[in-house]
Full PDB file with SEQRES, HELIX, SHEET, SSBOND, CRYST1, ORIGX, SCALE, CONECT and MASTER records, all heavy atoms in Angstrom:
SEQRES   1 A   29  TYR GLN LEU ASP TYR PRO PHE TYR GLU ILE LEU PHE ALA          
SEQRES   2 A   29  LEU ASP ASN TRP ASN ASP GLN ALA CYS GLU VAL ILE ARG          
SEQRES   3 A   29  LYS VAL ALA                                                  
HELIX    1 AA1 ALA A   21  VAL A   28  1                                   8    
CRYST1    1.000    1.000    1.000  90.00  90.00  90.00 P 1           1          
ORIGX1      1.000000  0.000000  0.000000        0.00000                         
ORIGX2      0.000000  1.000000  0.000000        0.00000                         
ORIGX3      0.000000  0.000000  1.000000        0.00000                         
SCALE1      1.000000  0.000000  0.000000        0.00000                         
SCALE2      0.000000  1.000000  0.000000        0.00000                         
SCALE3      0.000000  0.000000  1.000000        0.00000                         
ATOM      1  N   TYR A   1      49.888 -26.496 -49.511  1.00  0.00           N  
ATOM      2  CA  TYR A   1      49.451 -26.913 -48.180  1.00  0.00           C  
ATOM      3  C   TYR A   1      48.930 -28.351 -48.174  1.00  0.00           C  
ATOM      4  O   TYR A   1      48.654 -28.902 -47.111  1.00  0.00           O  
ATOM      5  CB  TYR A   1      48.371 -25.964 -47.661  1.00  0.00           C  
ATOM      6  CG  TYR A   1      48.915 -24.649 -47.162  1.00  0.00           C  
ATOM      7  CD1 TYR A   1      49.049 -23.566 -48.025  1.00  0.00           C  
ATOM      8  CD2 TYR A   1      49.302 -24.489 -45.842  1.00  0.00           C  
ATOM      9  CE1 TYR A   1      49.549 -22.356 -47.576  1.00  0.00           C  
ATOM     10  CE2 TYR A   1      49.814 -23.280 -45.385  1.00  0.00           C  
ATOM     11  CZ  TYR A   1      49.941 -22.218 -46.260  1.00  0.00           C  
ATOM     12  OH  TYR A   1      50.455 -21.019 -45.807  1.00  0.00           O  
ATOM     13  N   GLN A   2      48.795 -28.944 -49.350  1.00  0.00           N  
ATOM     14  CA  GLN A   2      48.280 -30.306 -49.468  1.00  0.00           C  
ATOM     15  C   GLN A   2      49.362 -31.309 -49.862  1.00  0.00           C  
ATOM     16  O   GLN A   2      49.066 -32.407 -50.303  1.00  0.00           O  
ATOM     17  CB  GLN A   2      47.145 -30.331 -50.497  1.00  0.00           C  
ATOM     18  CG  GLN A   2      45.948 -29.500 -50.077  1.00  0.00           C  
ATOM     19  CD  GLN A   2      44.889 -29.383 -51.162  1.00  0.00           C  
ATOM     20  OE1 GLN A   2      45.155 -29.663 -52.330  1.00  0.00           O  
ATOM     21  NE2 GLN A   2      43.689 -28.978 -50.783  1.00  0.00           N  
ATOM     22  N   LEU A   3      50.611 -30.941 -49.663  1.00  0.00           N  
ATOM     23  CA  LEU A   3      51.723 -31.838 -49.979  1.00  0.00           C  
ATOM     24  C   LEU A   3      51.744 -33.037 -49.032  1.00  0.00           C  
ATOM     25  O   LEU A   3      51.406 -32.913 -47.853  1.00  0.00           O  
ATOM     26  CB  LEU A   3      53.052 -31.085 -49.880  1.00  0.00           C  
ATOM     27  CG  LEU A   3      53.306 -29.998 -50.934  1.00  0.00           C  
ATOM     28  CD1 LEU A   3      54.475 -29.121 -50.510  1.00  0.00           C  
ATOM     29  CD2 LEU A   3      53.567 -30.624 -52.301  1.00  0.00           C  
ATOM     30  N   ASP A   4      52.180 -34.189 -49.553  1.00  0.00           N  
ATOM     31  CA  ASP A   4      52.305 -35.399 -48.735  1.00  0.00           C  
ATOM     32  C   ASP A   4      53.503 -35.341 -47.786  1.00  0.00           C  
ATOM     33  O   ASP A   4      53.596 -36.121 -46.853  1.00  0.00           O  
ATOM     34  CB  ASP A   4      52.460 -36.633 -49.636  1.00  0.00           C  
ATOM     35  CG  ASP A   4      51.197 -36.926 -50.434  1.00  0.00           C  
ATOM     36  OD1 ASP A   4      50.116 -36.478 -50.003  1.00  0.00           O  
ATOM     37  OD2 ASP A   4      51.295 -37.591 -51.481  1.00  0.00           O  
ATOM     38  N   TYR A   5      54.407 -34.440 -48.064  1.00  0.00           N  
ATOM     39  CA  TYR A   5      55.656 -34.351 -47.309  1.00  0.00           C  
ATOM     40  C   TYR A   5      55.370 -33.960 -45.854  1.00  0.00           C  
ATOM     41  O   TYR A   5      54.584 -33.045 -45.589  1.00  0.00           O  
ATOM     42  CB  TYR A   5      56.574 -33.322 -47.961  1.00  0.00           C  
ATOM     43  CG  TYR A   5      58.021 -33.477 -47.640  1.00  0.00           C  
ATOM     44  CD1 TYR A   5      58.812 -34.386 -48.328  1.00  0.00           C  
ATOM     45  CD2 TYR A   5      58.623 -32.715 -46.644  1.00  0.00           C  
ATOM     46  CE1 TYR A   5      60.166 -34.528 -48.027  1.00  0.00           C  
ATOM     47  CE2 TYR A   5      59.960 -32.845 -46.341  1.00  0.00           C  
ATOM     48  CZ  TYR A   5      60.728 -33.756 -47.046  1.00  0.00           C  
ATOM     49  OH  TYR A   5      62.058 -33.895 -46.747  1.00  0.00           O  
ATOM     50  N   PRO A   6      56.018 -34.613 -44.874  1.00  0.00           N  
ATOM     51  CA  PRO A   6      55.633 -34.398 -43.469  1.00  0.00           C  
ATOM     52  C   PRO A   6      56.236 -33.174 -42.789  1.00  0.00           C  
ATOM     53  O   PRO A   6      55.616 -32.593 -41.898  1.00  0.00           O  
ATOM     54  CB  PRO A   6      56.107 -35.675 -42.776  1.00  0.00           C  
ATOM     55  CG  PRO A   6      57.270 -36.121 -43.587  1.00  0.00           C  
ATOM     56  CD  PRO A   6      56.951 -35.737 -45.002  1.00  0.00           C  
ATOM     57  N   PHE A   7      57.462 -32.793 -43.164  1.00  0.00           N  
ATOM     58  CA  PHE A   7      58.164 -31.749 -42.413  1.00  0.00           C  
ATOM     59  C   PHE A   7      58.477 -30.564 -43.322  1.00  0.00           C  
ATOM     60  O   PHE A   7      59.524 -30.538 -43.979  1.00  0.00           O  
ATOM     61  CB  PHE A   7      59.462 -32.287 -41.806  1.00  0.00           C  
ATOM     62  CG  PHE A   7      59.277 -33.513 -40.977  1.00  0.00           C  
ATOM     63  CD1 PHE A   7      60.041 -34.647 -41.214  1.00  0.00           C  
ATOM     64  CD2 PHE A   7      58.336 -33.542 -39.954  1.00  0.00           C  
ATOM     65  CE1 PHE A   7      59.874 -35.788 -40.447  1.00  0.00           C  
ATOM     66  CE2 PHE A   7      58.159 -34.680 -39.176  1.00  0.00           C  
ATOM     67  CZ  PHE A   7      58.921 -35.809 -39.433  1.00  0.00           C  
ATOM     68  N   TYR A   8      57.583 -29.608 -43.351  1.00  0.00           N  
ATOM     69  CA  TYR A   8      57.858 -28.422 -44.160  1.00  0.00           C  
ATOM     70  C   TYR A   8      57.121 -27.216 -43.595  1.00  0.00           C  
ATOM     71  O   TYR A   8      56.158 -27.325 -42.847  1.00  0.00           O  
ATOM     72  CB  TYR A   8      57.487 -28.641 -45.622  1.00  0.00           C  
ATOM     73  CG  TYR A   8      56.009 -28.716 -45.933  1.00  0.00           C  
ATOM     74  CD1 TYR A   8      55.315 -27.591 -46.375  1.00  0.00           C  
ATOM     75  CD2 TYR A   8      55.295 -29.913 -45.824  1.00  0.00           C  
ATOM     76  CE1 TYR A   8      53.966 -27.644 -46.688  1.00  0.00           C  
ATOM     77  CE2 TYR A   8      53.949 -29.986 -46.128  1.00  0.00           C  
ATOM     78  CZ  TYR A   8      53.284 -28.846 -46.550  1.00  0.00           C  
ATOM     79  OH  TYR A   8      51.947 -28.907 -46.860  1.00  0.00           O  
ATOM     80  N   GLU A   9      57.648 -26.059 -43.950  1.00  0.00           N  
ATOM     81  CA  GLU A   9      57.022 -24.782 -43.614  1.00  0.00           C  
ATOM     82  C   GLU A   9      56.944 -23.958 -44.897  1.00  0.00           C  
ATOM     83  O   GLU A   9      57.638 -24.240 -45.874  1.00  0.00           O  
ATOM     84  CB  GLU A   9      57.841 -24.041 -42.554  1.00  0.00           C  
ATOM     85  CG  GLU A   9      59.246 -23.692 -43.014  1.00  0.00           C  
ATOM     86  CD  GLU A   9      60.046 -22.918 -41.968  1.00  0.00           C  
ATOM     87  OE1 GLU A   9      59.485 -22.607 -40.911  1.00  0.00           O  
ATOM     88  OE2 GLU A   9      61.241 -22.631 -42.233  1.00  0.00           O  
ATOM     89  N   ILE A  10      56.082 -22.940 -44.888  1.00  0.00           N  
ATOM     90  CA  ILE A  10      55.932 -22.078 -46.061  1.00  0.00           C  
ATOM     91  C   ILE A  10      56.153 -20.638 -45.644  1.00  0.00           C  
ATOM     92  O   ILE A  10      55.527 -20.149 -44.684  1.00  0.00           O  
ATOM     93  CB  ILE A  10      54.547 -22.229 -46.708  1.00  0.00           C  
ATOM     94  CG1 ILE A  10      54.249 -23.705 -47.011  1.00  0.00           C  
ATOM     95  CG2 ILE A  10      54.479 -21.401 -47.987  1.00  0.00           C  
ATOM     96  CD1 ILE A  10      52.888 -23.942 -47.642  1.00  0.00           C  
ATOM     97  N   LEU A  11      57.049 -19.958 -46.367  1.00  0.00           N  
ATOM     98  CA  LEU A  11      57.322 -18.546 -46.116  1.00  0.00           C  
ATOM     99  C   LEU A  11      56.937 -17.729 -47.343  1.00  0.00           C  
ATOM    100  O   LEU A  11      57.256 -18.119 -48.481  1.00  0.00           O  
ATOM    101  CB  LEU A  11      58.792 -18.318 -45.788  1.00  0.00           C  
ATOM    102  CG  LEU A  11      59.305 -18.908 -44.464  1.00  0.00           C  
ATOM    103  CD1 LEU A  11      59.798 -20.340 -44.666  1.00  0.00           C  
ATOM    104  CD2 LEU A  11      60.429 -18.045 -43.884  1.00  0.00           C  
ATOM    105  N   PHE A  12      56.256 -16.622 -47.116  1.00  0.00           N  
ATOM    106  CA  PHE A  12      55.849 -15.717 -48.183  1.00  0.00           C  
ATOM    107  C   PHE A  12      56.521 -14.368 -47.973  1.00  0.00           C  
ATOM    108  O   PHE A  12      56.672 -13.911 -46.831  1.00  0.00           O  
ATOM    109  CB  PHE A  12      54.335 -15.523 -48.180  1.00  0.00           C  
ATOM    110  CG  PHE A  12      53.541 -16.777 -48.390  1.00  0.00           C  
ATOM    111  CD1 PHE A  12      53.095 -17.521 -47.301  1.00  0.00           C  
ATOM    112  CD2 PHE A  12      53.245 -17.229 -49.667  1.00  0.00           C  
ATOM    113  CE1 PHE A  12      52.360 -18.678 -47.483  1.00  0.00           C  
ATOM    114  CE2 PHE A  12      52.518 -18.393 -49.855  1.00  0.00           C  
ATOM    115  CZ  PHE A  12      52.072 -19.122 -48.768  1.00  0.00           C  
ATOM    116  N   ALA A  13      56.909 -13.723 -49.084  1.00  0.00           N  
ATOM    117  CA  ALA A  13      57.484 -12.378 -48.999  1.00  0.00           C  
ATOM    118  C   ALA A  13      56.761 -11.464 -49.978  1.00  0.00           C  
ATOM    119  O   ALA A  13      56.670 -11.752 -51.172  1.00  0.00           O  
ATOM    120  CB  ALA A  13      58.979 -12.419 -49.317  1.00  0.00           C  
ATOM    121  N   LEU A  14      56.220 -10.365 -49.451  1.00  0.00           N  
ATOM    122  CA  LEU A  14      55.527  -9.347 -50.228  1.00  0.00           C  
ATOM    123  C   LEU A  14      56.292  -8.036 -50.148  1.00  0.00           C  
ATOM    124  O   LEU A  14      57.075  -7.821 -49.211  1.00  0.00           O  
ATOM    125  CB  LEU A  14      54.112  -9.134 -49.674  1.00  0.00           C  
ATOM    126  CG  LEU A  14      53.238 -10.365 -49.490  1.00  0.00           C  
ATOM    127  CD1 LEU A  14      52.086 -10.051 -48.543  1.00  0.00           C  
ATOM    128  CD2 LEU A  14      52.703 -10.836 -50.820  1.00  0.00           C  
ATOM    129  N   ASP A  15      56.054  -7.142 -51.096  1.00  0.00           N  
ATOM    130  CA  ASP A  15      56.665  -5.812 -51.000  1.00  0.00           C  
ATOM    131  C   ASP A  15      56.140  -5.068 -49.777  1.00  0.00           C  
ATOM    132  O   ASP A  15      56.899  -4.419 -49.051  1.00  0.00           O  
ATOM    133  CB  ASP A  15      56.367  -5.005 -52.262  1.00  0.00           C  
ATOM    134  CG  ASP A  15      57.207  -5.445 -53.445  1.00  0.00           C  
ATOM    135  OD1 ASP A  15      58.169  -6.208 -53.239  1.00  0.00           O  
ATOM    136  OD2 ASP A  15      56.908  -5.039 -54.579  1.00  0.00           O  
ATOM    137  N   ASN A  16      54.822  -5.144 -49.560  1.00  0.00           N  
ATOM    138  CA  ASN A  16      54.212  -4.444 -48.436  1.00  0.00           C  
ATOM    139  C   ASN A  16      52.908  -5.130 -48.052  1.00  0.00           C  
ATOM    140  O   ASN A  16      52.399  -5.985 -48.787  1.00  0.00           O  
ATOM    141  CB  ASN A  16      53.979  -2.963 -48.775  1.00  0.00           C  
ATOM    142  CG  ASN A  16      53.137  -2.804 -50.040  1.00  0.00           C  
ATOM    143  OD1 ASN A  16      51.952  -3.138 -50.060  1.00  0.00           O  
ATOM    144  ND2 ASN A  16      53.753  -2.289 -51.100  1.00  0.00           N  
ATOM    145  N   TRP A  17      52.349  -4.721 -46.919  1.00  0.00           N  
ATOM    146  CA  TRP A  17      51.137  -5.370 -46.411  1.00  0.00           C  
ATOM    147  C   TRP A  17      49.897  -4.990 -47.212  1.00  0.00           C  
ATOM    148  O   TRP A  17      48.834  -5.598 -47.035  1.00  0.00           O  
ATOM    149  CB  TRP A  17      50.922  -5.013 -44.940  1.00  0.00           C  
ATOM    150  CG  TRP A  17      52.015  -5.500 -44.049  1.00  0.00           C  
ATOM    151  CD1 TRP A  17      52.891  -4.740 -43.332  1.00  0.00           C  
ATOM    152  CD2 TRP A  17      52.364  -6.860 -43.768  1.00  0.00           C  
ATOM    153  NE1 TRP A  17      53.765  -5.537 -42.618  1.00  0.00           N  
ATOM    154  CE2 TRP A  17      53.465  -6.846 -42.872  1.00  0.00           C  
ATOM    155  CE3 TRP A  17      51.853  -8.096 -44.185  1.00  0.00           C  
ATOM    156  CZ2 TRP A  17      54.065  -8.005 -42.388  1.00  0.00           C  
ATOM    157  CZ3 TRP A  17      52.449  -9.251 -43.707  1.00  0.00           C  
ATOM    158  CH2 TRP A  17      53.534  -9.210 -42.824  1.00  0.00           C  
ATOM    159  N   ASN A  18      49.980  -4.008 -48.086  1.00  0.00           N  
ATOM    160  CA  ASN A  18      48.833  -3.599 -48.893  1.00  0.00           C  
ATOM    161  C   ASN A  18      48.655  -4.453 -50.143  1.00  0.00           C  
ATOM    162  O   ASN A  18      47.671  -4.280 -50.865  1.00  0.00           O  
ATOM    163  CB  ASN A  18      48.975  -2.124 -49.305  1.00  0.00           C  
ATOM    164  CG  ASN A  18      48.934  -1.189 -48.115  1.00  0.00           C  
ATOM    165  OD1 ASN A  18      48.197  -1.432 -47.157  1.00  0.00           O  
ATOM    166  ND2 ASN A  18      49.728  -0.127 -48.164  1.00  0.00           N  
ATOM    167  N   ASP A  19      49.595  -5.338 -50.398  1.00  0.00           N  
ATOM    168  CA  ASP A  19      49.481  -6.221 -51.565  1.00  0.00           C  
ATOM    169  C   ASP A  19      48.208  -7.065 -51.439  1.00  0.00           C  
ATOM    170  O   ASP A  19      47.938  -7.658 -50.390  1.00  0.00           O  
ATOM    171  CB  ASP A  19      50.711  -7.131 -51.647  1.00  0.00           C  
ATOM    172  CG  ASP A  19      50.817  -7.842 -52.984  1.00  0.00           C  
ATOM    173  OD1 ASP A  19      49.823  -8.452 -53.424  1.00  0.00           O  
ATOM    174  OD2 ASP A  19      51.904  -7.797 -53.574  1.00  0.00           O  
ATOM    175  N   GLN A  20      47.408  -7.106 -52.513  1.00  0.00           N  
ATOM    176  CA  GLN A  20      46.157  -7.861 -52.491  1.00  0.00           C  
ATOM    177  C   GLN A  20      46.367  -9.342 -52.213  1.00  0.00           C  
ATOM    178  O   GLN A  20      45.469 -10.022 -51.717  1.00  0.00           O  
ATOM    179  CB  GLN A  20      45.425  -7.689 -53.828  1.00  0.00           C  
ATOM    180  CG  GLN A  20      44.881  -6.295 -54.065  1.00  0.00           C  
ATOM    181  CD  GLN A  20      44.228  -6.174 -55.422  1.00  0.00           C  
ATOM    182  OE1 GLN A  20      44.891  -6.242 -56.458  1.00  0.00           O  
ATOM    183  NE2 GLN A  20      42.924  -6.001 -55.431  1.00  0.00           N  
ATOM    184  N   ALA A  21      47.551  -9.849 -52.532  1.00  0.00           N  
ATOM    185  CA  ALA A  21      47.822 -11.266 -52.305  1.00  0.00           C  
ATOM    186  C   ALA A  21      47.865 -11.606 -50.824  1.00  0.00           C  
ATOM    187  O   ALA A  21      47.658 -12.767 -50.447  1.00  0.00           O  
ATOM    188  CB  ALA A  21      49.140 -11.660 -52.969  1.00  0.00           C  
ATOM    189  N   CYS A  22      48.115 -10.617 -49.975  1.00  0.00           N  
ATOM    190  CA  CYS A  22      48.254 -10.872 -48.537  1.00  0.00           C  
ATOM    191  C   CYS A  22      46.978 -11.485 -47.960  1.00  0.00           C  
ATOM    192  O   CYS A  22      47.028 -12.442 -47.179  1.00  0.00           O  
ATOM    193  CB  CYS A  22      48.601  -9.580 -47.813  1.00  0.00           C  
ATOM    194  SG  CYS A  22      48.991  -9.808 -46.070  1.00  0.00           S  
ATOM    195  N   GLU A  23      45.835 -10.970 -48.356  1.00  0.00           N  
ATOM    196  CA  GLU A  23      44.557 -11.495 -47.853  1.00  0.00           C  
ATOM    197  C   GLU A  23      44.351 -12.935 -48.305  1.00  0.00           C  
ATOM    198  O   GLU A  23      43.855 -13.769 -47.547  1.00  0.00           O  
ATOM    199  CB  GLU A  23      43.418 -10.612 -48.347  1.00  0.00           C  
ATOM    200  CG  GLU A  23      42.050 -11.047 -47.846  1.00  0.00           C  
ATOM    201  CD  GLU A  23      40.929 -10.144 -48.334  1.00  0.00           C  
ATOM    202  OE1 GLU A  23      41.226  -9.054 -48.876  1.00  0.00           O  
ATOM    203  OE2 GLU A  23      39.756 -10.525 -48.195  1.00  0.00           O  
ATOM    204  N   VAL A  24      44.734 -13.225 -49.542  1.00  0.00           N  
ATOM    205  CA  VAL A  24      44.585 -14.589 -50.066  1.00  0.00           C  
ATOM    206  C   VAL A  24      45.489 -15.550 -49.285  1.00  0.00           C  
ATOM    207  O   VAL A  24      45.073 -16.660 -48.924  1.00  0.00           O  
ATOM    208  CB  VAL A  24      44.925 -14.631 -51.568  1.00  0.00           C  
ATOM    209  CG1 VAL A  24      44.798 -16.059 -52.109  1.00  0.00           C  
ATOM    210  CG2 VAL A  24      44.023 -13.684 -52.352  1.00  0.00           C  
ATOM    211  N   ILE A  25      46.708 -15.139 -49.021  1.00  0.00           N  
ATOM    212  CA  ILE A  25      47.647 -15.988 -48.268  1.00  0.00           C  
ATOM    213  C   ILE A  25      47.084 -16.313 -46.892  1.00  0.00           C  
ATOM    214  O   ILE A  25      47.084 -17.473 -46.458  1.00  0.00           O  
ATOM    215  CB  ILE A  25      49.019 -15.291 -48.138  1.00  0.00           C  
ATOM    216  CG1 ILE A  25      49.671 -15.119 -49.503  1.00  0.00           C  
ATOM    217  CG2 ILE A  25      49.935 -16.087 -47.210  1.00  0.00           C  
ATOM    218  CD1 ILE A  25      50.897 -14.223 -49.489  1.00  0.00           C  
ATOM    219  N   ARG A  26      46.602 -15.301 -46.202  1.00  0.00           N  
ATOM    220  CA  ARG A  26      46.072 -15.510 -44.858  1.00  0.00           C  
ATOM    221  C   ARG A  26      44.845 -16.415 -44.876  1.00  0.00           C  
ATOM    222  O   ARG A  26      44.661 -17.247 -43.971  1.00  0.00           O  
ATOM    223  CB  ARG A  26      45.742 -14.160 -44.224  1.00  0.00           C  
ATOM    224  CG  ARG A  26      46.998 -13.398 -43.791  1.00  0.00           C  
ATOM    225  CD  ARG A  26      46.671 -12.005 -43.315  1.00  0.00           C  
ATOM    226  NE  ARG A  26      47.859 -11.379 -42.694  1.00  0.00           N  
ATOM    227  CZ  ARG A  26      48.007 -10.081 -42.535  1.00  0.00           C  
ATOM    228  NH1 ARG A  26      47.062  -9.255 -42.956  1.00  0.00           N  
ATOM    229  NH2 ARG A  26      49.095  -9.599 -41.961  1.00  0.00           N  
ATOM    230  N   LYS A  27      44.019 -16.261 -45.883  1.00  0.00           N  
ATOM    231  CA  LYS A  27      42.823 -17.101 -45.994  1.00  0.00           C  
ATOM    232  C   LYS A  27      43.210 -18.564 -46.155  1.00  0.00           C  
ATOM    233  O   LYS A  27      42.649 -19.457 -45.495  1.00  0.00           O  
ATOM    234  CB  LYS A  27      41.979 -16.644 -47.187  1.00  0.00           C  
ATOM    235  CG  LYS A  27      40.745 -17.495 -47.448  1.00  0.00           C  
ATOM    236  CD  LYS A  27      40.003 -17.017 -48.691  1.00  0.00           C  
ATOM    237  CE  LYS A  27      38.834 -17.938 -49.017  1.00  0.00           C  
ATOM    238  NZ  LYS A  27      38.133 -17.505 -50.258  1.00  0.00           N  
ATOM    239  N   VAL A  28      44.174 -18.840 -47.035  1.00  0.00           N  
ATOM    240  CA  VAL A  28      44.594 -20.224 -47.268  1.00  0.00           C  
ATOM    241  C   VAL A  28      45.315 -20.780 -46.043  1.00  0.00           C  
ATOM    242  O   VAL A  28      45.051 -21.914 -45.608  1.00  0.00           O  
ATOM    243  CB  VAL A  28      45.499 -20.309 -48.513  1.00  0.00           C  
ATOM    244  CG1 VAL A  28      46.043 -21.717 -48.695  1.00  0.00           C  
ATOM    245  CG2 VAL A  28      44.741 -19.880 -49.767  1.00  0.00           C  
ATOM    246  N   ALA A  29      46.207 -20.001 -45.463  1.00  0.00           N  
ATOM    247  CA  ALA A  29      46.970 -20.470 -44.300  1.00  0.00           C  
ATOM    248  C   ALA A  29      46.049 -20.816 -43.133  1.00  0.00           C  
ATOM    249  O   ALA A  29      46.316 -21.769 -42.382  1.00  0.00           O  
ATOM    250  CB  ALA A  29      47.987 -19.415 -43.885  1.00  0.00           C  
TER     251      ALA A  29                                                      
MASTER        0    0    0    1    0    0    0    6  250    1    0    3          
END                                                                             
């Protein structure tokens, strides 16, 4: 999220919404 590049998006794919990483992703986003 701190890249110098001007035009980009980030997509994440999880197996399911219960993955613990989901909360971390939302916090950072």
